[in-house]
Amino acid sequence: MTPTSDRFVLPEQVETVEIPLASGVASVVRRHGNPDGARLLVSHGNGLATDAYFPYWSLFLEDLEVVAFDCRNHGHNPLGPQGEHNPRVFAEDLDHAILPGVQEVFGEKPTVGCFHSLSALVGLLLPSRGAEFSGLVLFDPPIYRPGIPQQVFEEHLEAAAHMARIRATHFATVDDYVDTCAMSPLLAGVDRANLRLMAEAVLRPCADGPGYSLRCPPAYEAQAQEFIAAYAVLVDIEAMRCPVKVIGGDPTRTFSFLPSKHRKEMFQVDYDFVPDSTHYLQLQFPETCHDLTMQFLEGIGLV
């Protein structure tokens, strides 16, 4: 067992494999949990890493196999070319390399993707429309909020990209990063132990001196954010070829994304939200998110 914070302990992986992606880079995929259970393939939001979501996905380890991966240039993965850092490339990575690689190396079985934010959008952009998944659970995907004009949506994303570009790139200590996160309204209610886990997931020791730098550089994060508005218009949930569950942040909170730009379409999607949560609902309310996920898995006959 590897201690990662005052509270959370990441288990040793059952198995780890590097899956080659296009352009000569790779994704480090980690297998956890019960190998006899159905498989959850879990991933993260922009600039983050899947290990930061351990308070959520740890709740499945007794019953299910959990396979964690990071989008290219995030988390455990090496840094590759910035020009290929966008949601469309991430979707091709998942459809053409990561999911087939997981099925080949770990064995074929029913697999549900549990994705947050950026990776949730990636799930909706899959060239196969999710045909090889048994289902998708998408947490607060960055799609138009009903009643919000596209211009406002795009302005919000532009503001988020600007914030990413000016984000600090160096932190003297892990606690410095934690202190910064603790001031964010979006992370309200996330305790310090969770924030430290996040810090350890997204930081790496600087190679050229003391301190820590972000595994996903701010310029990469900002670029992905800028692409989101362009790719969001391509989403057609009704065209997906697997069951889809959308779990949003509290819609009364500022910019908790909902599954469609048209209110009437919202009722054609299996949709729930977590009251009092923000965009980071899996970190704020992991048990509620677990329960909603399990309800979906039961509904499609996987558990």
Foldseek 3Di string as FASTA:
>chain_A
DADQFPPDDDDDFPDWDWWAAPPGWTKIKGKAADLVAAEEEEEEAFLFARLLLCLQVVVCRDHHIYMYIYQALFFPTAHDDLVQQALLSSLCCVQPIVVVVCCVPSHDDAYEYEYAASVLLSQQNRPQLCQSHQEYEYEQYLAAAAPDDLVVSLVVLLVVLVCLLPDDFWDQDLVRQLVVVCPDPQCPQQDSRSSSSRSVRQWDADPPDGTIGGSRHSNSSSVHSNCSSVSNVVGDNVPRNHAYEYEWEAVVDPPTHADHHHPVCSVVHNYYYDPPHHSPCCSNPSPVVNVVVVVVCVVSPSD
